[in-house]
C-alpha atoms as a PDB file:
ATOM      1  CA  MET A   1     -55.611  62.439-162.705  1.00  0.00           C
ATOM      2  CA  LEU A   2     -53.273  65.590-162.438  1.00  0.00           C
ATOM      3  CA  ASP A   3     -55.550  67.298-159.978  1.00  0.00           C
ATOM      4  CA  ASP A   4     -55.437  64.900-157.583  1.00  0.00           C
ATOM      5  CA  ILE A   5     -51.701  66.246-157.189  1.00  0.00           C
ATOM      6  CA  ILE A   6     -51.627  69.975-157.702  1.00  0.00           C
ATOM      7  CA  GLY A   7     -51.676  70.657-153.962  1.00  0.00           C
ATOM      8  CA  CYS A   8     -47.926  68.522-154.002  1.00  0.00           C
ATOM      9  CA  LEU A   9     -46.812  70.338-156.459  1.00  0.00           C
ATOM     10  CA  ALA A  10     -44.577  73.649-156.387  1.00  0.00           C
ATOM     11  CA  CYS A  11     -43.502  75.984-159.058  1.00  0.00           C
ATOM     12  CA  PRO A  12     -39.803  75.501-160.000  1.00  0.00           C
ATOM     13  CA  TYR A  13     -38.767  78.999-160.410  1.00  0.00           C
ATOM     14  CA  CYS A  14     -40.101  80.597-156.826  1.00  0.00           C
ATOM     15  CA  ALA A  15     -41.263  77.339-155.280  1.00  0.00           C
ATOM     16  CA  ASP A  16     -44.508  78.307-154.511  1.00  0.00           C
ATOM     17  CA  GLY A  17     -47.887  76.498-154.752  1.00  0.00           C
ATOM     18  CA  LEU A  18     -49.342  75.866-157.905  1.00  0.00           C
ATOM     19  CA  SER A  19     -52.861  76.031-158.605  1.00  0.00           C
ATOM     20  CA  ARG A  20     -54.839  75.301-162.073  1.00  0.00           C
ATOM     21  CA  ALA A  21     -55.910  78.017-164.551  1.00  0.00           C
ATOM     22  CA  GLY A  22     -57.874  75.789-167.414  1.00  0.00           C
ATOM     23  CA  ARG A  23     -55.232  74.040-169.157  1.00  0.00           C
ATOM     24  CA  SER A  24     -52.372  75.656-167.537  1.00  0.00           C
ATOM     25  CA  LEU A  25     -50.981  75.207-163.625  1.00  0.00           C
ATOM     26  CA  ARG A  26     -50.091  78.401-161.766  1.00  0.00           C
ATOM     27  CA  CYS A  27     -48.178  80.153-159.223  1.00  0.00           C
ATOM     28  CA  PRO A  28     -49.016  83.397-157.495  1.00  0.00           C
ATOM     29  CA  ALA A  29     -46.097  84.713-158.952  1.00  0.00           C
ATOM     30  CA  GLY A  30     -47.550  84.874-162.523  1.00  0.00           C
ATOM     31  CA  HIS A  31     -45.132  81.514-163.896  1.00  0.00           C
ATOM     32  CA  THR A  32     -47.369  79.123-165.692  1.00  0.00           C
ATOM     33  CA  PHE A  33     -46.980  75.795-166.847  1.00  0.00           C
ATOM     34  CA  ASP A  34     -49.285  74.340-169.862  1.00  0.00           C
ATOM     35  CA  ILE A  35     -50.928  70.664-169.317  1.00  0.00           C
ATOM     36  CA  ALA A  36     -49.753  68.552-172.406  1.00  0.00           C
ATOM     37  CA  ARG A  37     -52.719  66.702-173.953  1.00  0.00           C
ATOM     38  CA  GLN A  38     -51.788  63.652-172.817  1.00  0.00           C
ATOM     39  CA  GLY A  39     -52.442  64.821-169.151  1.00  0.00           C
ATOM     40  CA  TYR A  40     -48.904  65.466-167.704  1.00  0.00           C
ATOM     41  CA  VAL A  41     -47.120  68.787-166.987  1.00  0.00           C
ATOM     42  CA  SER A  42     -43.653  70.261-167.982  1.00  0.00           C
ATOM     43  CA  LEU A  43     -41.877  71.713-164.808  1.00  0.00           C
ATOM     44  CA  LEU A  44     -39.246  71.584-165.735  1.00  0.00           C
ATOM     45  CA  PRO A  45     -37.412  75.312-165.921  1.00  0.00           C
ATOM     46  CA  ALA A  46     -37.190  76.800-169.469  1.00  0.00           C
ATOM     47  CA  GLY A  47     -33.606  76.943-170.896  1.00  0.00           C
ATOM     48  CA  ALA A  48     -32.885  73.292-168.564  1.00  0.00           C
ATOM     49  CA  THR A  49     -30.221  71.662-170.586  1.00  0.00           C
ATOM     50  CA  GLY A  50     -27.803  68.287-170.419  1.00  0.00           C
ATOM     51  CA  VAL A  51     -31.110  66.405-169.073  1.00  0.00           C
ATOM     52  CA  ALA A  52     -31.190  62.946-171.112  1.00  0.00           C
ATOM     53  CA  GLY A  53     -34.293  60.840-170.560  1.00  0.00           C
ATOM     54  CA  ASP A  54     -35.700  57.422-171.623  1.00  0.00           C
ATOM     55  CA  THR A  55     -36.432  57.266-175.475  1.00  0.00           C
ATOM     56  CA  ALA A  56     -39.541  56.292-177.332  1.00  0.00           C
ATOM     57  CA  ALA A  57     -38.554  53.429-178.328  1.00  0.00           C
ATOM     58  CA  MET A  58     -37.175  52.325-174.587  1.00  0.00           C
ATOM     59  CA  VAL A  59     -40.118  53.772-172.744  1.00  0.00           C
ATOM     60  CA  GLU A  60     -42.322  51.298-175.127  1.00  0.00           C
ATOM     61  CA  ALA A  61     -39.478  48.154-174.354  1.00  0.00           C
ATOM     62  CA  ARG A  62     -40.165  49.050-170.900  1.00  0.00           C
ATOM     63  CA  ALA A  63     -44.066  48.648-171.237  1.00  0.00           C
ATOM     64  CA  GLU A  64     -43.883  45.758-173.212  1.00  0.00           C
ATOM     65  CA  PHE A  65     -41.524  44.069-170.734  1.00  0.00           C
ATOM     66  CA  LEU A  66     -43.649  44.828-167.592  1.00  0.00           C
ATOM     67  CA  ALA A  67     -46.688  44.290-168.990  1.00  0.00           C
ATOM     68  CA  ALA A  68     -45.753  40.477-169.150  1.00  0.00           C
ATOM     69  CA  GLY A  69     -45.994  40.268-165.833  1.00  0.00           C
ATOM     70  CA  HIS A  70     -42.031  39.918-165.008  1.00  0.00           C
ATOM     71  CA  PHE A  71     -41.810  42.425-162.272  1.00  0.00           C
ATOM     72  CA  ALA A  72     -44.830  41.337-161.063  1.00  0.00           C
ATOM     73  CA  PRO A  73     -43.731  40.064-157.409  1.00  0.00           C
ATOM     74  CA  LEU A  74     -41.400  42.593-156.619  1.00  0.00           C
ATOM     75  CA  ALA A  75     -44.299  45.012-157.576  1.00  0.00           C
ATOM     76  CA  ALA A  76     -46.361  43.426-155.353  1.00  0.00           C
ATOM     77  CA  GLY A  77     -43.371  43.836-152.295  1.00  0.00           C
ATOM     78  CA  LEU A  78     -43.113  47.304-152.795  1.00  0.00           C
ATOM     79  CA  ALA A  79     -46.644  47.838-152.736  1.00  0.00           C
ATOM     80  CA  ASP A  80     -46.901  46.032-148.944  1.00  0.00           C
ATOM     81  CA  ALA A  81     -44.145  47.568-147.800  1.00  0.00           C
ATOM     82  CA  VAL A  82     -45.635  51.432-148.334  1.00  0.00           C
ATOM     83  CA  ALA A  83     -49.215  50.158-147.553  1.00  0.00           C
ATOM     84  CA  SER A  84     -48.099  48.564-144.150  1.00  0.00           C
ATOM     85  CA  GLY A  85     -45.805  51.290-143.418  1.00  0.00           C
ATOM     86  CA  PRO A  86     -46.270  55.530-142.958  1.00  0.00           C
ATOM     87  CA  GLY A  87     -48.214  55.676-146.657  1.00  0.00           C
ATOM     88  CA  GLY A  88     -50.974  53.261-145.357  1.00  0.00           C
ATOM     89  CA  PRO A  89     -53.937  53.562-143.836  1.00  0.00           C
ATOM     90  CA  PRO A  90     -54.581  55.715-141.777  1.00  0.00           C
ATOM     91  CA  GLY A  91     -50.404  56.922-141.739  1.00  0.00           C
ATOM     92  CA  VAL A  92     -49.158  60.315-142.704  1.00  0.00           C
ATOM     93  CA  PRO A  93     -50.545  62.801-144.901  1.00  0.00           C
ATOM     94  CA  GLY A  94     -49.323  63.179-148.442  1.00  0.00           C
ATOM     95  CA  CYS A  95     -49.067  61.465-151.832  1.00  0.00           C
ATOM     96  CA  VAL A  96     -46.771  58.698-153.103  1.00  0.00           C
ATOM     97  CA  ALA A  97     -43.981  60.328-154.759  1.00  0.00           C
ATOM     98  CA  ASP A  98     -42.026  57.912-157.635  1.00  0.00           C
ATOM     99  CA  ALA A  99     -38.863  59.747-158.232  1.00  0.00           C
ATOM    100  CA  GLY A 100     -37.967  58.565-161.526  1.00  0.00           C
ATOM    101  CA  ALA A 101     -41.218  56.824-162.320  1.00  0.00           C
ATOM    102  CA  GLY A 102     -40.514  55.822-166.086  1.00  0.00           C
ATOM    103  CA  THR A 103     -44.469  54.314-166.832  1.00  0.00           C
ATOM    104  CA  GLY A 104     -45.522  54.510-163.727  1.00  0.00           C
ATOM    105  CA  TYR A 105     -45.932  50.077-163.530  1.00  0.00           C
ATOM    106  CA  PHE A 106     -44.655  50.385-159.766  1.00  0.00           C
ATOM    107  CA  LEU A 107     -46.217  53.107-159.084  1.00  0.00           C
ATOM    108  CA  ALA A 108     -49.746  52.225-159.900  1.00  0.00           C
ATOM    109  CA  ALA A 109     -48.895  48.894-157.865  1.00  0.00           C
ATOM    110  CA  VAL A 110     -48.881  51.204-155.079  1.00  0.00           C
ATOM    111  CA  LEU A 111     -51.602  52.980-155.060  1.00  0.00           C
ATOM    112  CA  GLY A 112     -53.868  49.409-156.173  1.00  0.00           C
ATOM    113  CA  GLN A 113     -52.762  48.613-151.985  1.00  0.00           C
ATOM    114  CA  CYS A 114     -52.817  52.269-150.923  1.00  0.00           C
ATOM    115  CA  PRO A 115     -56.701  53.308-152.044  1.00  0.00           C
ATOM    116  CA  ASP A 116     -56.736  56.797-150.021  1.00  0.00           C
ATOM    117  CA  ARG A 117     -53.677  57.989-151.618  1.00  0.00           C
ATOM    118  CA  ALA A 118     -52.665  59.973-155.055  1.00  0.00           C
ATOM    119  CA  GLY A 119     -49.861  58.844-156.632  1.00  0.00           C
ATOM    120  CA  LEU A 120     -47.281  61.324-157.793  1.00  0.00           C
ATOM    121  CA  ALA A 121     -44.865  60.253-160.918  1.00  0.00           C
ATOM    122  CA  LEU A 122     -41.462  62.331-162.197  1.00  0.00           C
ATOM    123  CA  ASP A 123     -39.608  61.683-164.472  1.00  0.00           C
ATOM    124  CA  VAL A 124     -37.590  63.587-167.382  1.00  0.00           C
ATOM    125  CA  SER A 125     -38.912  62.202-170.275  1.00  0.00           C
ATOM    126  CA  LYS A 126     -42.274  62.757-172.279  1.00  0.00           C
ATOM    127  CA  PHE A 127     -42.697  59.312-173.745  1.00  0.00           C
ATOM    128  CA  ALA A 128     -42.469  58.065-169.830  1.00  0.00           C
ATOM    129  CA  LEU A 129     -44.912  60.775-168.422  1.00  0.00           C
ATOM    130  CA  ARG A 130     -47.687  59.815-171.054  1.00  0.00           C
ATOM    131  CA  ARG A 131     -48.289  56.489-169.916  1.00  0.00           C
ATOM    132  CA  ALA A 132     -47.634  57.421-166.633  1.00  0.00           C
ATOM    133  CA  ALA A 133     -50.388  59.806-166.922  1.00  0.00           C
ATOM    134  CA  ARG A 134     -52.604  57.147-167.525  1.00  0.00           C
ATOM    135  CA  ALA A 135     -51.141  54.062-165.588  1.00  0.00           C
ATOM    136  CA  HIS A 136     -53.580  55.063-162.743  1.00  0.00           C
ATOM    137  CA  PRO A 137     -56.851  56.914-162.305  1.00  0.00           C
ATOM    138  CA  ARG A 138     -55.066  58.623-159.418  1.00  0.00           C
ATOM    139  CA  ILE A 139     -51.462  59.303-160.570  1.00  0.00           C
ATOM    140  CA  GLY A 140     -50.743  62.924-161.557  1.00  0.00           C
ATOM    141  CA  ALA A 141     -47.319  62.990-163.803  1.00  0.00           C
ATOM    142  CA  ALA A 142     -45.070  65.990-163.958  1.00  0.00           C
ATOM    143  CA  GLY A 143     -41.740  66.249-165.741  1.00  0.00           C
ATOM    144  CA  CYS A 144     -38.757  67.403-163.964  1.00  0.00           C
ATOM    145  CA  ASP A 145     -34.980  66.471-163.592  1.00  0.00           C
ATOM    146  CA  VAL A 146     -34.235  64.757-160.299  1.00  0.00           C
ATOM    147  CA  TRP A 147     -30.809  66.781-160.204  1.00  0.00           C
ATOM    148  CA  ARG A 148     -32.389  69.979-159.763  1.00  0.00           C
ATOM    149  CA  ARG A 149     -35.023  71.196-156.965  1.00  0.00           C
ATOM    150  CA  LEU A 150     -37.977  68.678-157.440  1.00  0.00           C
ATOM    151  CA  PRO A 151     -41.116  70.791-158.164  1.00  0.00           C
ATOM    152  CA  VAL A 152     -42.865  69.189-155.049  1.00  0.00           C
ATOM    153  CA  ALA A 153     -43.747  70.927-152.202  1.00  0.00           C
ATOM    154  CA  ASP A 154     -41.764  70.312-148.249  1.00  0.00           C
ATOM    155  CA  GLY A 155     -42.795  67.296-146.752  1.00  0.00           C
ATOM    156  CA  ALA A 156     -45.790  66.692-149.220  1.00  0.00           C
ATOM    157  CA  ALA A 157     -45.299  63.045-150.305  1.00  0.00           C
ATOM    158  CA  ALA A 158     -46.112  60.069-147.485  1.00  0.00           C
ATOM    159  CA  ALA A 159     -43.956  58.025-149.361  1.00  0.00           C
ATOM    160  CA  VAL A 160     -41.261  58.508-152.056  1.00  0.00           C
ATOM    161  CA  LEU A 161     -40.253  55.568-154.142  1.00  0.00           C
ATOM    162  CA  SER A 162     -36.866  55.178-156.051  1.00  0.00           C
ATOM    163  CA  VAL A 163     -37.304  52.059-158.076  1.00  0.00           C
ATOM    164  CA  PHE A 164     -33.774  52.066-160.327  1.00  0.00           C
ATOM    165  CA  ALA A 165     -33.844  55.727-160.778  1.00  0.00           C
ATOM    166  CA  PRO A 166     -31.034  58.277-159.674  1.00  0.00           C
ATOM    167  CA  ARG A 167     -31.038  59.152-156.113  1.00  0.00           C
ATOM    168  CA  ASN A 168     -30.935  62.574-154.870  1.00  0.00           C
ATOM    169  CA  GLY A 169     -30.879  62.444-151.159  1.00  0.00           C
ATOM    170  CA  ALA A 170     -31.402  66.127-150.527  1.00  0.00           C
ATOM    171  CA  GLU A 171     -34.542  66.435-152.554  1.00  0.00           C
ATOM    172  CA  LEU A 172     -36.104  63.596-151.396  1.00  0.00           C
ATOM    173  CA  ARG A 173     -35.432  64.222-147.770  1.00  0.00           C
ATOM    174  CA  ARG A 174     -37.096  67.554-148.585  1.00  0.00           C
ATOM    175  CA  ILE A 175     -40.197  66.303-150.351  1.00  0.00           C
ATOM    176  CA  LEU A 176     -40.701  63.581-147.840  1.00  0.00           C
ATOM    177  CA  HIS A 177     -42.892  64.229-145.034  1.00  0.00           C
ATOM    178  CA  PRO A 178     -40.996  64.118-141.664  1.00  0.00           C
ATOM    179  CA  GLY A 179     -42.831  60.673-140.477  1.00  0.00           C
ATOM    180  CA  GLY A 180     -42.772  59.215-144.024  1.00  0.00           C
ATOM    181  CA  GLN A 181     -40.707  56.204-145.456  1.00  0.00           C
ATOM    182  CA  LEU A 182     -38.541  56.316-148.489  1.00  0.00           C
ATOM    183  CA  LEU A 183     -38.357  53.307-150.639  1.00  0.00           C
ATOM    184  CA  VAL A 184     -35.206  51.949-152.643  1.00  0.00           C
ATOM    185  CA  VAL A 185     -34.779  49.513-155.539  1.00  0.00           C
ATOM    186  CA  THR A 186     -31.633  48.832-156.373  1.00  0.00           C
ATOM    187  CA  PRO A 187     -30.284  46.218-159.122  1.00  0.00           C
ATOM    188  CA  GLU A 188     -27.797  43.075-157.018  1.00  0.00           C
ATOM    189  CA  PRO A 189     -24.560  41.968-158.932  1.00  0.00           C
ATOM    190  CA  ALA A 190     -26.031  38.281-160.055  1.00  0.00           C
ATOM    191  CA  HIS A 191     -29.173  40.767-161.285  1.00  0.00           C
ATOM    192  CA  LEU A 192     -29.462  39.646-165.174  1.00  0.00           C
ATOM    193  CA  GLY A 193     -25.749  37.862-164.863  1.00  0.00           C
ATOM    194  CA  GLU A 194     -26.787  35.498-167.521  1.00  0.00           C
ATOM    195  CA  LEU A 195     -26.789  38.080-170.065  1.00  0.00           C
ATOM    196  CA  VAL A 196     -24.507  41.118-169.557  1.00  0.00           C
ATOM    197  CA  GLY A 197     -21.602  39.053-170.418  1.00  0.00           C
ATOM    198  CA  PRO A 198     -22.757  37.519-173.820  1.00  0.00           C
ATOM    199  CA  LEU A 199     -24.701  39.901-174.754  1.00  0.00           C
ATOM    200  CA  GLY A 200     -22.295  42.891-173.468  1.00  0.00           C
ATOM    201  CA  LEU A 201     -24.584  44.177-171.159  1.00  0.00           C
ATOM    202  CA  LEU A 202     -23.133  47.242-168.982  1.00  0.00           C
ATOM    203  CA  THR A 203     -23.286  45.504-165.264  1.00  0.00           C
ATOM    204  CA  VAL A 204     -23.972  46.189-161.808  1.00  0.00           C
ATOM    205  CA  ASP A 205     -21.166  48.534-159.676  1.00  0.00           C
ATOM    206  CA  ARG A 206     -19.890  46.390-157.478  1.00  0.00           C
ATOM    207  CA  ASP A 207     -19.391  49.504-155.177  1.00  0.00           C
ATOM    208  CA  LYS A 208     -23.199  50.403-155.098  1.00  0.00           C
ATOM    209  CA  ASP A 209     -23.948  49.901-151.327  1.00  0.00           C
ATOM    210  CA  GLU A 210     -21.156  52.232-150.689  1.00  0.00           C
ATOM    211  CA  ARG A 211     -23.103  54.643-153.587  1.00  0.00           C
ATOM    212  CA  LEU A 212     -26.453  54.053-151.854  1.00  0.00           C
ATOM    213  CA  ALA A 213     -24.618  54.767-148.536  1.00  0.00           C
ATOM    214  CA  ALA A 214     -23.223  58.153-149.945  1.00  0.00           C
ATOM    215  CA  GLN A 215     -25.922  59.478-151.788  1.00  0.00           C
ATOM    216  CA  LEU A 216     -28.877  58.884-148.798  1.00  0.00           C
ATOM    217  CA  GLY A 217     -26.607  58.350-145.643  1.00  0.00           C
ATOM    218  CA  GLY A 218     -26.606  62.196-144.669  1.00  0.00           C
ATOM    219  CA  TYR A 219     -30.287  62.280-145.076  1.00  0.00           C
ATOM    220  CA  PHE A 220     -31.674  58.962-144.132  1.00  0.00           C
ATOM    221  CA  THR A 221     -31.548  56.031-142.065  1.00  0.00           C
ATOM    222  CA  VAL A 222     -32.282  52.669-143.289  1.00  0.00           C
ATOM    223  CA  THR A 223     -35.342  51.066-141.286  1.00  0.00           C
ATOM    224  CA  GLY A 224     -35.041  47.143-142.949  1.00  0.00           C
ATOM    225  CA  ARG A 225     -33.581  45.550-146.239  1.00  0.00           C
ATOM    226  CA  ARG A 226     -35.093  42.745-148.051  1.00  0.00           C
ATOM    227  CA  SER A 227     -33.823  40.866-151.246  1.00  0.00           C
ATOM    228  CA  HIS A 228     -35.567  40.342-154.368  1.00  0.00           C
ATOM    229  CA  VAL A 229     -34.676  37.212-156.507  1.00  0.00           C
ATOM    230  CA  ARG A 230     -36.527  35.517-159.172  1.00  0.00           C
ATOM    231  CA  GLN A 231     -35.749  33.392-161.871  1.00  0.00           C
ATOM    232  CA  LEU A 232     -36.966  33.853-165.527  1.00  0.00           C
ATOM    233  CA  ARG A 233     -36.824  31.864-168.585  1.00  0.00           C
ATOM    234  CA  LEU A 234     -37.213  34.661-171.641  1.00  0.00           C
ATOM    235  CA  SER A 235     -37.644  33.838-174.813  1.00  0.00           C
ATOM    236  CA  HIS A 236     -35.274  35.256-177.582  1.00  0.00           C
ATOM    237  CA  PRO A 237     -37.659  38.250-178.266  1.00  0.00           C
ATOM    238  CA  GLU A 238     -38.574  38.932-174.505  1.00  0.00           C
ATOM    239  CA  VAL A 239     -34.289  39.130-174.156  1.00  0.00           C
ATOM    240  CA  ALA A 240     -34.022  41.692-177.089  1.00  0.00           C
ATOM    241  CA  THR A 241     -37.389  43.525-175.606  1.00  0.00           C
ATOM    242  CA  LEU A 242     -35.347  43.395-171.773  1.00  0.00           C
ATOM    243  CA  VAL A 243     -32.317  45.096-173.138  1.00  0.00           C
ATOM    244  CA  ALA A 244     -33.823  47.347-174.977  1.00  0.00           C
ATOM    245  CA  MET A 245     -35.882  49.067-172.088  1.00  0.00           C
ATOM    246  CA  GLY A 246     -32.027  49.733-169.773  1.00  0.00           C
ATOM    247  CA  PRO A 247     -29.534  51.486-170.421  1.00  0.00           C
ATOM    248  CA  SER A 248     -27.311  49.209-172.149  1.00  0.00           C
ATOM    249  CA  ALA A 249     -30.163  50.046-174.956  1.00  0.00           C
ATOM    250  CA  ARG A 250     -27.311  53.316-175.321  1.00  0.00           C
ATOM    251  CA  HIS A 251     -24.488  51.217-175.968  1.00  0.00           C
ATOM    252  CA  VAL A 252     -25.035  48.138-177.913  1.00  0.00           C
ATOM    253  CA  ASP A 253     -27.458  48.609-181.204  1.00  0.00           C
ATOM    254  CA  ALA A 254     -30.085  46.161-181.576  1.00  0.00           C
ATOM    255  CA  GLY A 255     -28.143  44.520-184.492  1.00  0.00           C
ATOM    256  CA  THR A 256     -25.430  43.423-182.324  1.00  0.00           C
ATOM    257  CA  VAL A 257     -27.697  42.081-179.460  1.00  0.00           C
ATOM    258  CA  ALA A 258     -29.540  39.840-181.853  1.00  0.00           C
ATOM    259  CA  ALA A 259     -26.524  38.226-183.296  1.00  0.00           C
ATOM    260  CA  ARG A 260     -24.994  37.855-179.769  1.00  0.00           C
ATOM    261  CA  LEU A 261     -28.389  36.240-178.487  1.00  0.00           C
ATOM    262  CA  ALA A 262     -28.437  33.939-181.595  1.00  0.00           C
ATOM    263  CA  ARG A 263     -25.845  31.817-179.636  1.00  0.00           C
ATOM    264  CA  LEU A 264     -27.628  31.165-176.727  1.00  0.00           C
ATOM    265  CA  PRO A 265     -30.257  28.615-175.672  1.00  0.00           C
ATOM    266  CA  ASP A 266     -33.887  29.425-176.418  1.00  0.00           C
ATOM    267  CA  PRO A 267     -35.449  30.759-173.748  1.00  0.00           C
ATOM    268  CA  VAL A 268     -32.518  31.927-171.924  1.00  0.00           C
ATOM    269  CA  PRO A 269     -32.124  31.516-167.742  1.00  0.00           C
ATOM    270  CA  VAL A 270     -32.440  34.928-166.302  1.00  0.00           C
ATOM    271  CA  THR A 271     -31.712  35.803-162.973  1.00  0.00           C
ATOM    272  CA  LEU A 272     -34.119  39.170-161.692  1.00  0.00           C
ATOM    273  CA  ALA A 273     -32.011  39.851-158.290  1.00  0.00           C
ATOM    274  CA  VAL A 274     -32.629  43.526-156.377  1.00  0.00           C
ATOM    275  CA  THR A 275     -32.825  45.049-153.195  1.00  0.00           C
ATOM    276  CA  LEU A 276     -35.619  46.864-151.879  1.00  0.00           C
ATOM    277  CA  SER A 277     -33.996  48.975-149.013  1.00  0.00           C
ATOM    278  CA  ALA A 278     -36.637  50.932-146.835  1.00  0.00           C
ATOM    279  CA  TYR A 279     -35.369  54.542-144.901  1.00  0.00           C
ATOM    280  CA  LYS A 280     -36.697  56.713-142.378  1.00  0.00           C
ATOM    281  CA  ALA A 281     -35.826  60.452-142.328  1.00  0.00           C
ATOM    282  CA  ARG A 282     -33.139  61.434-140.347  1.00  0.00           C
ATOM    283  CA  VAL A 283     -34.163  64.790-137.994  1.00  0.00           C
ATOM    284  CA  PRO A 284     -31.776  67.306-138.184  1.00  0.00           C
ATOM    285  CA  VAL A 285     -29.624  68.110-135.071  1.00  0.00           C
ATOM    286  CA  VAL A 286     -29.935  71.820-133.739  1.00  0.00           C
ATOM    287  CA  THR A 287     -27.263  72.893-131.322  1.00  0.00           C
ATOM    288  CA  PRO A 288     -27.869  75.561-129.316  1.00  0.00           C
ATOM    289  CA  GLY A 289     -27.418  79.382-130.924  1.00  0.00           C
ATOM    290  CA  ASP A 290     -27.980  77.797-134.020  1.00  0.00           C
ATOM    291  CA  PRO A 291     -30.238  79.472-136.608  1.00  0.00           C
ATOM    292  CA  PRO A 292     -33.156  76.592-137.626  1.00  0.00           C
ATOM    293  CA  ARG A 293     -32.127  74.582-140.664  1.00  0.00           C
ATOM    294  CA  SER A 294     -34.586  73.058-143.617  1.00  0.00           C
ATOM    295  CA  SER A 295     -34.986  69.465-143.412  1.00  0.00           C
ATOM    296  CA  GLY A 296     -33.242  69.025-146.638  1.00  0.00           C
END
């Protein structure tokens, strides 16, 4: 519910707090943001361009695939990691923020293990936000671009999630409580390996670990890593749905996928292989004579 997380939000123009005014959110300076009838609020600045989110078809496919439970063990592992860390009881104050939340599936699983937390789903896609706003009674959903300043107050999140999503290290650090935890899920090289070649899908970057370190290393310290590997047997329709929900859907059309898929056995053995990494925020180093620095 949006009311549960208004105190965690910040105006994207002036970074001041927001309060509810009927069917809108408003900051003291008068910047106003309408609440959509589906329950989410867009906090994208006016005129924001170059922002591409998941399409309606991609979101529909993701909702269908996740509802079948294929990622349920990963969601459970993520929920356990939050509940046993600073985001669990009694923990540090704040919400659980999911930057790039998609349909809210993983955030809802986390909130199921953290009954005293509210969840903040952040995504640029209005189609994803409509689903995320309904994914759990304690989720509030807000539209934003993760590469801009997030519309979240400093230190407002006890835990931050980034699941198969872009990572803006400076902003993730800024919104995380100093005693909180960042949890990041990234694909391993074997992820969907049986499908990549035959279907012409995008490959996992072999330098992903190096890029991850470059994105987050200046702001966070790794506290733990765990590999989640699961072998699935997916029917041809399930494989088509899996492809349709991810970034490969933008590069290979459904007809081509169907023709190539027809050459594979039914069901198809598929490996889901990801890494769950946990981080704590680095403490800024201030030398004598330096002015105080923000946590970002």
